[in-house]
Amino acid sequence: EKDAEGHYLDVRCLATTKFVNKDNPNQITRYSG
């Protein structure tokens, strides 16, 4: 569920999981995406 601008409505979304920024691979070094 997102608003018109594409922001997540459910606060539990970003408070539960970190969405990897795949456009900036240097942000997080990990085995997978």
PDB file of all heavy atoms in Angstrom:
ATOM      1  N   GLU A   1       0.848  -1.196   0.000  1.00  0.00           N
ATOM      2  CA  GLU A   1       0.000   0.000   0.000  1.00  0.00           C
ATOM      3  C   GLU A   1       0.881   1.242   0.000  1.00  0.00           C
ATOM      4  O   GLU A   1       1.679   1.456   0.916  1.00  0.00           O
ATOM      5  CB  GLU A   1      -0.934  -0.016   1.212  1.00  0.00           C
ATOM      6  CG  GLU A   1      -1.893  -1.209   1.202  1.00  0.00           C
ATOM      7  CD  GLU A   1      -2.951  -1.136   2.272  1.00  0.00           C
ATOM      8  OE1 GLU A   1      -3.570  -0.060   2.421  1.00  0.00           O
ATOM      9  OE2 GLU A   1      -3.151  -2.143   2.961  1.00  0.00           O
ATOM     10  N   LYS A   2       0.724   2.069  -1.030  1.00  0.00           N
ATOM     11  CA  LYS A   2       1.531   3.282  -1.198  1.00  0.00           C
ATOM     12  C   LYS A   2       0.614   4.465  -1.473  1.00  0.00           C
ATOM     13  O   LYS A   2      -0.520   4.308  -1.931  1.00  0.00           O
ATOM     14  CB  LYS A   2       2.520   3.112  -2.362  1.00  0.00           C
ATOM     15  CG  LYS A   2       3.496   1.960  -2.213  1.00  0.00           C
ATOM     16  CD  LYS A   2       4.423   1.891  -3.423  1.00  0.00           C
ATOM     17  CE  LYS A   2       5.423   0.753  -3.303  1.00  0.00           C
ATOM     18  NZ  LYS A   2       4.765  -0.568  -3.361  1.00  0.00           N
ATOM     19  N   ASP A   3       1.117   5.657  -1.206  1.00  0.00           N
ATOM     20  CA  ASP A   3       0.348   6.862  -1.531  1.00  0.00           C
ATOM     21  C   ASP A   3       0.624   7.253  -2.985  1.00  0.00           C
ATOM     22  O   ASP A   3       1.342   6.555  -3.712  1.00  0.00           O
ATOM     23  CB  ASP A   3       0.681   8.004  -0.563  1.00  0.00           C
ATOM     24  CG  ASP A   3       2.144   8.435  -0.636  1.00  0.00           C
ATOM     25  OD1 ASP A   3       2.824   8.131  -1.642  1.00  0.00           O
ATOM     26  OD2 ASP A   3       2.608   9.088   0.319  1.00  0.00           O
ATOM     27  N   ALA A   4       0.073   8.385  -3.403  1.00  0.00           N
ATOM     28  CA  ALA A   4       0.176   8.810  -4.803  1.00  0.00           C
ATOM     29  C   ALA A   4       1.621   9.062  -5.233  1.00  0.00           C
ATOM     30  O   ALA A   4       1.963   8.916  -6.408  1.00  0.00           O
ATOM     31  CB  ALA A   4      -0.657  10.079  -5.024  1.00  0.00           C
ATOM     32  N   GLU A   5       2.478   9.433  -4.268  1.00  0.00           N
ATOM     33  CA  GLU A   5       3.889   9.694  -4.582  1.00  0.00           C
ATOM     34  C   GLU A   5       4.745   8.435  -4.494  1.00  0.00           C
ATOM     35  O   GLU A   5       5.964   8.483  -4.702  1.00  0.00           O
ATOM     36  CB  GLU A   5       4.459  10.761  -3.631  1.00  0.00           C
ATOM     37  CG  GLU A   5       3.965  12.186  -3.904  1.00  0.00           C
ATOM     38  CD  GLU A   5       2.537  12.378  -3.425  1.00  0.00           C
ATOM     39  OE1 GLU A   5       2.184  11.776  -2.384  1.00  0.00           O
ATOM     40  OE2 GLU A   5       1.779  13.104  -4.103  1.00  0.00           O
ATOM     41  N   GLY A   6       4.130   7.304  -4.165  1.00  0.00           N
ATOM     42  CA  GLY A   6       4.878   6.065  -4.095  1.00  0.00           C
ATOM     43  C   GLY A   6       5.509   5.778  -2.751  1.00  0.00           C
ATOM     44  O   GLY A   6       6.320   4.855  -2.623  1.00  0.00           O
ATOM     45  N   HIS A   7       5.152   6.562  -1.728  1.00  0.00           N
ATOM     46  CA  HIS A   7       5.685   6.324  -0.395  1.00  0.00           C
ATOM     47  C   HIS A   7       4.885   5.211   0.292  1.00  0.00           C
ATOM     48  O   HIS A   7       3.666   5.118   0.139  1.00  0.00           O
ATOM     49  CB  HIS A   7       5.612   7.602   0.455  1.00  0.00           C
ATOM     50  CG  HIS A   7       6.391   8.741  -0.129  1.00  0.00           C
ATOM     51  ND1 HIS A   7       5.825   9.966  -0.395  1.00  0.00           N
ATOM     52  CD2 HIS A   7       7.681   8.836  -0.522  1.00  0.00           C
ATOM     53  CE1 HIS A   7       6.726  10.774  -0.904  1.00  0.00           C
ATOM     54  NE2 HIS A   7       7.863  10.099  -0.998  1.00  0.00           N
ATOM     55  N   TYR A   8       5.570   4.401   1.070  1.00  0.00           N
ATOM     56  CA  TYR A   8       4.908   3.306   1.760  1.00  0.00           C
ATOM     57  C   TYR A   8       3.984   3.845   2.854  1.00  0.00           C
ATOM     58  O   TYR A   8       4.378   4.671   3.675  1.00  0.00           O
ATOM     59  CB  TYR A   8       5.938   2.367   2.389  1.00  0.00           C
ATOM     60  CG  TYR A   8       6.866   1.726   1.391  1.00  0.00           C
ATOM     61  CD1 TYR A   8       8.206   2.077   1.335  1.00  0.00           C
ATOM     62  CD2 TYR A   8       6.395   0.782   0.491  1.00  0.00           C
ATOM     63  CE1 TYR A   8       9.064   1.504   0.403  1.00  0.00           C
ATOM     64  CE2 TYR A   8       7.240   0.202  -0.448  1.00  0.00           C
ATOM     65  CZ  TYR A   8       8.573   0.571  -0.484  1.00  0.00           C
ATOM     66  OH  TYR A   8       9.407   0.001  -1.407  1.00  0.00           O
ATOM     67  N   LEU A   9       2.735   3.378   2.862  1.00  0.00           N
ATOM     68  CA  LEU A   9       1.783   3.812   3.882  1.00  0.00           C
ATOM     69  C   LEU A   9       1.985   3.068   5.197  1.00  0.00           C
ATOM     70  O   LEU A   9       1.762   3.618   6.274  1.00  0.00           O
ATOM     71  CB  LEU A   9       0.355   3.598   3.376  1.00  0.00           C
ATOM     72  CG  LEU A   9      -0.098   4.495   2.215  1.00  0.00           C
ATOM     73  CD1 LEU A   9      -1.484   4.076   1.737  1.00  0.00           C
ATOM     74  CD2 LEU A   9      -0.099   5.961   2.638  1.00  0.00           C
ATOM     75  N   ASP A  10       2.388   1.813   5.107  1.00  0.00           N
ATOM     76  CA  ASP A  10       2.532   0.975   6.298  1.00  0.00           C
ATOM     77  C   ASP A  10       3.857   1.278   6.979  1.00  0.00           C
ATOM     78  O   ASP A  10       4.927   0.980   6.451  1.00  0.00           O
ATOM     79  CB  ASP A  10       2.461  -0.504   5.897  1.00  0.00           C
ATOM     80  CG  ASP A  10       2.240  -1.420   7.087  1.00  0.00           C
ATOM     81  OD1 ASP A  10       2.661  -1.069   8.205  1.00  0.00           O
ATOM     82  OD2 ASP A  10       1.651  -2.503   6.885  1.00  0.00           O
ATOM     83  N   VAL A  11       3.796   1.870   8.169  1.00  0.00           N
ATOM     84  CA  VAL A  11       5.012   2.243   8.881  1.00  0.00           C
ATOM     85  C   VAL A  11       5.866   1.029   9.212  1.00  0.00           C
ATOM     86  O   VAL A  11       7.086   1.135   9.366  1.00  0.00           O
ATOM     87  CB  VAL A  11       4.667   3.025  10.166  1.00  0.00           C
ATOM     88  CG1 VAL A  11       4.002   2.108  11.192  1.00  0.00           C
ATOM     89  CG2 VAL A  11       5.909   3.663  10.775  1.00  0.00           C
ATOM     90  N   ARG A  12       5.245  -0.140   9.283  1.00  0.00           N
ATOM     91  CA  ARG A  12       5.992  -1.344   9.630  1.00  0.00           C
ATOM     92  C   ARG A  12       6.929  -1.782   8.519  1.00  0.00           C
ATOM     93  O   ARG A  12       7.857  -2.562   8.747  1.00  0.00           O
ATOM     94  CB  ARG A  12       5.013  -2.479   9.965  1.00  0.00           C
ATOM     95  CG  ARG A  12       4.158  -2.189  11.185  1.00  0.00           C
ATOM     96  CD  ARG A  12       3.016  -3.172  11.314  1.00  0.00           C
ATOM     97  NE  ARG A  12       2.099  -3.132  10.188  1.00  0.00           N
ATOM     98  CZ  ARG A  12       0.953  -3.810  10.136  1.00  0.00           C
ATOM     99  NH1 ARG A  12       0.602  -4.575  11.155  1.00  0.00           N
ATOM    100  NH2 ARG A  12       0.167  -3.725   9.076  1.00  0.00           N
ATOM    101  N   CYS A  13       6.704  -1.274   7.320  1.00  0.00           N
ATOM    102  CA  CYS A  13       7.527  -1.680   6.176  1.00  0.00           C
ATOM    103  C   CYS A  13       8.993  -1.326   6.400  1.00  0.00           C
ATOM    104  O   CYS A  13       9.853  -2.203   6.531  1.00  0.00           O
ATOM    105  CB  CYS A  13       7.000  -1.026   4.904  1.00  0.00           C
ATOM    106  SG  CYS A  13       7.908  -1.479   3.419  1.00  0.00           S
ATOM    107  N   LEU A  14       9.295  -0.040   6.468  1.00  0.00           N
ATOM    108  CA  LEU A  14      10.685   0.394   6.588  1.00  0.00           C
ATOM    109  C   LEU A  14      11.222   0.223   8.003  1.00  0.00           C
ATOM    110  O   LEU A  14      12.434   0.362   8.217  1.00  0.00           O
ATOM    111  CB  LEU A  14      10.821   1.841   6.137  1.00  0.00           C
ATOM    112  CG  LEU A  14      10.485   2.098   4.663  1.00  0.00           C
ATOM    113  CD1 LEU A  14      10.668   3.569   4.308  1.00  0.00           C
ATOM    114  CD2 LEU A  14      11.331   1.229   3.748  1.00  0.00           C
ATOM    115  N   ALA A  15      10.354  -0.053   8.970  1.00  0.00           N
ATOM    116  CA  ALA A  15      10.825  -0.323  10.326  1.00  0.00           C
ATOM    117  C   ALA A  15      11.128  -1.807  10.532  1.00  0.00           C
ATOM    118  O   ALA A  15      11.660  -2.186  11.572  1.00  0.00           O
ATOM    119  CB  ALA A  15       9.777   0.129  11.342  1.00  0.00           C
ATOM    120  N   THR A  16      10.791  -2.631   9.549  1.00  0.00           N
ATOM    121  CA  THR A  16      11.027  -4.073   9.644  1.00  0.00           C
ATOM    122  C   THR A  16      12.173  -4.517   8.755  1.00  0.00           C
ATOM    123  O   THR A  16      13.005  -5.331   9.146  1.00  0.00           O
ATOM    124  CB  THR A  16       9.748  -4.848   9.262  1.00  0.00           C
ATOM    125  OG1 THR A  16       8.691  -4.489  10.155  1.00  0.00           O
ATOM    126  CG2 THR A  16       9.985  -6.350   9.335  1.00  0.00           C
ATOM    127  N   THR A  17      12.228  -3.981   7.549  1.00  0.00           N
ATOM    128  CA  THR A  17      13.239  -4.425   6.590  1.00  0.00           C
ATOM    129  C   THR A  17      13.929  -3.234   5.943  1.00  0.00           C
ATOM    130  O   THR A  17      13.304  -2.197   5.709  1.00  0.00           O
ATOM    131  CB  THR A  17      12.626  -5.323   5.505  1.00  0.00           C
ATOM    132  OG1 THR A  17      13.645  -5.829   4.662  1.00  0.00           O
ATOM    133  CG2 THR A  17      11.606  -4.572   4.683  1.00  0.00           C
ATOM    134  N   LYS A  18      15.209  -3.376   5.690  1.00  0.00           N
ATOM    135  CA  LYS A  18      15.987  -2.341   5.010  1.00  0.00           C
ATOM    136  C   LYS A  18      15.995  -2.636   3.523  1.00  0.00           C
ATOM    137  O   LYS A  18      16.433  -3.706   3.098  1.00  0.00           O
ATOM    138  CB  LYS A  18      17.424  -2.329   5.543  1.00  0.00           C
ATOM    139  CG  LYS A  18      18.383  -1.427   4.773  1.00  0.00           C
ATOM    140  CD  LYS A  18      18.057   0.042   4.972  1.00  0.00           C
ATOM    141  CE  LYS A  18      19.080   0.915   4.246  1.00  0.00           C
ATOM    142  NZ  LYS A  18      18.775   2.344   4.376  1.00  0.00           N
ATOM    143  N   PHE A  19      15.505  -1.697   2.721  1.00  0.00           N
ATOM    144  CA  PHE A  19      15.497  -1.875   1.277  1.00  0.00           C
ATOM    145  C   PHE A  19      16.845  -1.426   0.718  1.00  0.00           C
ATOM    146  O   PHE A  19      17.222  -0.266   0.821  1.00  0.00           O
ATOM    147  CB  PHE A  19      14.358  -1.073   0.640  1.00  0.00           C
ATOM    148  CG  PHE A  19      13.008  -1.687   0.857  1.00  0.00           C
ATOM    149  CD1 PHE A  19      12.848  -2.810   1.655  1.00  0.00           C
ATOM    150  CD2 PHE A  19      11.886  -1.148   0.261  1.00  0.00           C
ATOM    151  CE1 PHE A  19      11.604  -3.379   1.844  1.00  0.00           C
ATOM    152  CE2 PHE A  19      10.624  -1.711   0.455  1.00  0.00           C
ATOM    153  CZ  PHE A  19      10.494  -2.831   1.252  1.00  0.00           C
ATOM    154  N   VAL A  20      17.547  -2.363   0.133  1.00  0.00           N
ATOM    155  CA  VAL A  20      18.870  -2.087  -0.405  1.00  0.00           C
ATOM    156  C   VAL A  20      18.754  -1.151  -1.606  1.00  0.00           C
ATOM    157  O   VAL A  20      17.925  -1.353  -2.482  1.00  0.00           O
ATOM    158  CB  VAL A  20      19.567  -3.400  -0.811  1.00  0.00           C
ATOM    159  CG1 VAL A  20      20.909  -3.101  -1.471  1.00  0.00           C
ATOM    160  CG2 VAL A  20      19.766  -4.293   0.396  1.00  0.00           C
ATOM    161  N   ASN A  21      19.594  -0.155  -1.637  1.00  0.00           N
ATOM    162  CA  ASN A  21      19.646   0.769  -2.770  1.00  0.00           C
ATOM    163  C   ASN A  21      20.507   0.146  -3.867  1.00  0.00           C
ATOM    164  O   ASN A  21      21.731   0.242  -3.854  1.00  0.00           O
ATOM    165  CB  ASN A  21      20.228   2.110  -2.322  1.00  0.00           C
ATOM    166  CG  ASN A  21      20.239   3.128  -3.442  1.00  0.00           C
ATOM    167  OD1 ASN A  21      19.915   2.820  -4.592  1.00  0.00           O
ATOM    168  ND2 ASN A  21      20.603   4.362  -3.117  1.00  0.00           N
ATOM    169  N   LYS A  22      19.875  -0.507  -4.808  1.00  0.00           N
ATOM    170  CA  LYS A  22      20.626  -1.227  -5.841  1.00  0.00           C
ATOM    171  C   LYS A  22      21.315  -0.286  -6.825  1.00  0.00           C
ATOM    172  O   LYS A  22      22.182  -0.698  -7.584  1.00  0.00           O
ATOM    173  CB  LYS A  22      19.691  -2.193  -6.573  1.00  0.00           C
ATOM    174  CG  LYS A  22      19.144  -3.285  -5.655  1.00  0.00           C
ATOM    175  CD  LYS A  22      18.223  -4.221  -6.411  1.00  0.00           C
ATOM    176  CE  LYS A  22      17.752  -5.370  -5.509  1.00  0.00           C
ATOM    177  NZ  LYS A  22      16.960  -4.909  -4.383  1.00  0.00           N
ATOM    178  N   ASP A  23      20.917   1.008  -6.821  1.00  0.00           N
ATOM    179  CA  ASP A  23      21.583   1.973  -7.680  1.00  0.00           C
ATOM    180  C   ASP A  23      22.887   2.485  -7.062  1.00  0.00           C
ATOM    181  O   ASP A  23      23.665   3.168  -7.718  1.00  0.00           O
ATOM    182  CB  ASP A  23      20.654   3.159  -7.964  1.00  0.00           C
ATOM    183  CG  ASP A  23      19.417   2.738  -8.751  1.00  0.00           C
ATOM    184  OD1 ASP A  23      19.551   1.806  -9.579  1.00  0.00           O
ATOM    185  OD2 ASP A  23      18.350   3.327  -8.528  1.00  0.00           O
ATOM    186  N   ASN A  24      23.078   2.166  -5.792  1.00  0.00           N
ATOM    187  CA  ASN A  24      24.292   2.599  -5.104  1.00  0.00           C
ATOM    188  C   ASN A  24      24.896   1.395  -4.391  1.00  0.00           C
ATOM    189  O   ASN A  24      24.749   1.233  -3.190  1.00  0.00           O
ATOM    190  CB  ASN A  24      23.972   3.715  -4.103  1.00  0.00           C
ATOM    191  CG  ASN A  24      25.228   4.247  -3.418  1.00  0.00           C
ATOM    192  OD1 ASN A  24      26.340   3.867  -3.763  1.00  0.00           O
ATOM    193  ND2 ASN A  24      25.031   5.128  -2.442  1.00  0.00           N
ATOM    194  N   PRO A  25      25.564   0.522  -5.131  1.00  0.00           N
ATOM    195  CA  PRO A  25      26.062  -0.722  -4.554  1.00  0.00           C
ATOM    196  C   PRO A  25      27.082  -0.511  -3.452  1.00  0.00           C
ATOM    197  O   PRO A  25      27.344  -1.420  -2.665  1.00  0.00           O
ATOM    198  CB  PRO A  25      26.680  -1.440  -5.760  1.00  0.00           C
ATOM    199  CG  PRO A  25      26.992  -0.356  -6.741  1.00  0.00           C
ATOM    200  CD  PRO A  25      25.922   0.663  -6.546  1.00  0.00           C
ATOM    201  N   ASN A  26      27.677   0.682  -3.374  1.00  0.00           N
ATOM    202  CA  ASN A  26      28.659   0.933  -2.322  1.00  0.00           C
ATOM    203  C   ASN A  26      28.005   1.228  -0.969  1.00  0.00           C
ATOM    204  O   ASN A  26      28.684   1.306   0.044  1.00  0.00           O
ATOM    205  CB  ASN A  26      29.565   2.116  -2.708  1.00  0.00           C
ATOM    206  CG  ASN A  26      30.429   1.790  -3.904  1.00  0.00           C
ATOM    207  OD1 ASN A  26      30.905   0.670  -4.042  1.00  0.00           O
ATOM    208  ND2 ASN A  26      30.621   2.770  -4.782  1.00  0.00           N
ATOM    209  N   GLN A  27      26.697   1.415  -0.996  1.00  0.00           N
ATOM    210  CA  GLN A  27      26.004   1.714   0.255  1.00  0.00           C
ATOM    211  C   GLN A  27      26.109   0.540   1.217  1.00  0.00           C
ATOM    212  O   GLN A  27      26.320   0.709   2.406  1.00  0.00           O
ATOM    213  CB  GLN A  27      24.529   2.038  -0.010  1.00  0.00           C
ATOM    214  CG  GLN A  27      23.741   2.386   1.260  1.00  0.00           C
ATOM    215  CD  GLN A  27      22.262   2.583   0.963  1.00  0.00           C
ATOM    216  OE1 GLN A  27      21.732   2.023   0.010  1.00  0.00           O
ATOM    217  NE2 GLN A  27      21.595   3.379   1.772  1.00  0.00           N
ATOM    218  N   ILE A  28      25.949  -0.667   0.709  1.00  0.00           N
ATOM    219  CA  ILE A  28      26.021  -1.865   1.533  1.00  0.00           C
ATOM    220  C   ILE A  28      26.774  -2.935   0.772  1.00  0.00           C
ATOM    221  O   ILE A  28      26.475  -3.200  -0.397  1.00  0.00           O
ATOM    222  CB  ILE A  28      24.617  -2.385   1.896  1.00  0.00           C
ATOM    223  CG1 ILE A  28      23.859  -1.348   2.727  1.00  0.00           C
ATOM    224  CG2 ILE A  28      24.700  -3.705   2.660  1.00  0.00           C
ATOM    225  CD1 ILE A  28      22.425  -1.715   2.967  1.00  0.00           C
ATOM    226  N   THR A  29      27.757  -3.529   1.412  1.00  0.00           N
ATOM    227  CA  THR A  29      28.487  -4.634   0.805  1.00  0.00           C
ATOM    228  C   THR A  29      27.913  -5.933   1.334  1.00  0.00           C
ATOM    229  O   THR A  29      27.941  -6.197   2.533  1.00  0.00           O
ATOM    230  CB  THR A  29      29.983  -4.557   1.162  1.00  0.00           C
ATOM    231  OG1 THR A  29      30.483  -3.291   0.733  1.00  0.00           O
ATOM    232  CG2 THR A  29      30.758  -5.664   0.474  1.00  0.00           C
ATOM    233  N   ARG A  30      27.363  -6.739   0.446  1.00  0.00           N
ATOM    234  CA  ARG A  30      26.723  -7.971   0.870  1.00  0.00           C
ATOM    235  C   ARG A  30      26.848  -9.010  -0.237  1.00  0.00           C
ATOM    236  O   ARG A  30      27.298  -8.722  -1.345  1.00  0.00           O
ATOM    237  CB  ARG A  30      25.262  -7.744   1.249  1.00  0.00           C
ATOM    238  CG  ARG A  30      24.398  -7.206   0.105  1.00  0.00           C
ATOM    239  CD  ARG A  30      22.953  -7.034   0.535  1.00  0.00           C
ATOM    240  NE  ARG A  30      22.263  -8.305   0.572  1.00  0.00           N
ATOM    241  CZ  ARG A  30      22.007  -8.975   1.672  1.00  0.00           C
ATOM    242  NH1 ARG A  30      22.409  -8.543   2.821  1.00  0.00           N
ATOM    243  NH2 ARG A  30      21.353 -10.113   1.633  1.00  0.00           N
ATOM    244  N   TYR A  31      26.444 -10.216   0.072  1.00  0.00           N
ATOM    245  CA  TYR A  31      26.570 -11.287  -0.899  1.00  0.00           C
ATOM    246  C   TYR A  31      25.547 -11.181  -2.013  1.00  0.00           C
ATOM    247  O   TYR A  31      25.784 -11.611  -3.118  1.00  0.00           O
ATOM    248  CB  TYR A  31      26.409 -12.643  -0.194  1.00  0.00           C
ATOM    249  CG  TYR A  31      27.494 -12.926   0.810  1.00  0.00           C
ATOM    250  CD1 TYR A  31      27.191 -13.103   2.146  1.00  0.00           C
ATOM    251  CD2 TYR A  31      28.821 -13.023   0.423  1.00  0.00           C
ATOM    252  CE1 TYR A  31      28.176 -13.374   3.074  1.00  0.00           C
ATOM    253  CE2 TYR A  31      29.816 -13.289   1.346  1.00  0.00           C
ATOM    254  CZ  TYR A  31      29.494 -13.461   2.671  1.00  0.00           C
ATOM    255  OH  TYR A  31      30.465 -13.727   3.578  1.00  0.00           O
ATOM    256  N   SER A  32      24.371 -10.666  -1.695  1.00  0.00           N
ATOM    257  CA  SER A  32      23.310 -10.611  -2.692  1.00  0.00           C
ATOM    258  C   SER A  32      22.587  -9.281  -2.591  1.00  0.00           C
ATOM    259  O   SER A  32      22.899  -8.448  -1.756  1.00  0.00           O
ATOM    260  CB  SER A  32      22.314 -11.764  -2.484  1.00  0.00           C
ATOM    261  OG  SER A  32      21.541 -11.526  -1.324  1.00  0.00           O
ATOM    262  N   GLY A  33      21.584  -9.094  -3.408  1.00  0.00           N
ATOM    263  CA  GLY A  33      20.842  -7.848  -3.391  1.00  0.00           C
ATOM    264  C   GLY A  33      19.563  -7.920  -2.592  1.00  0.00           C
ATOM    265  O   GLY A  33      18.714  -7.065  -2.705  1.00  0.00           O
TER     266      GLY A  33
END
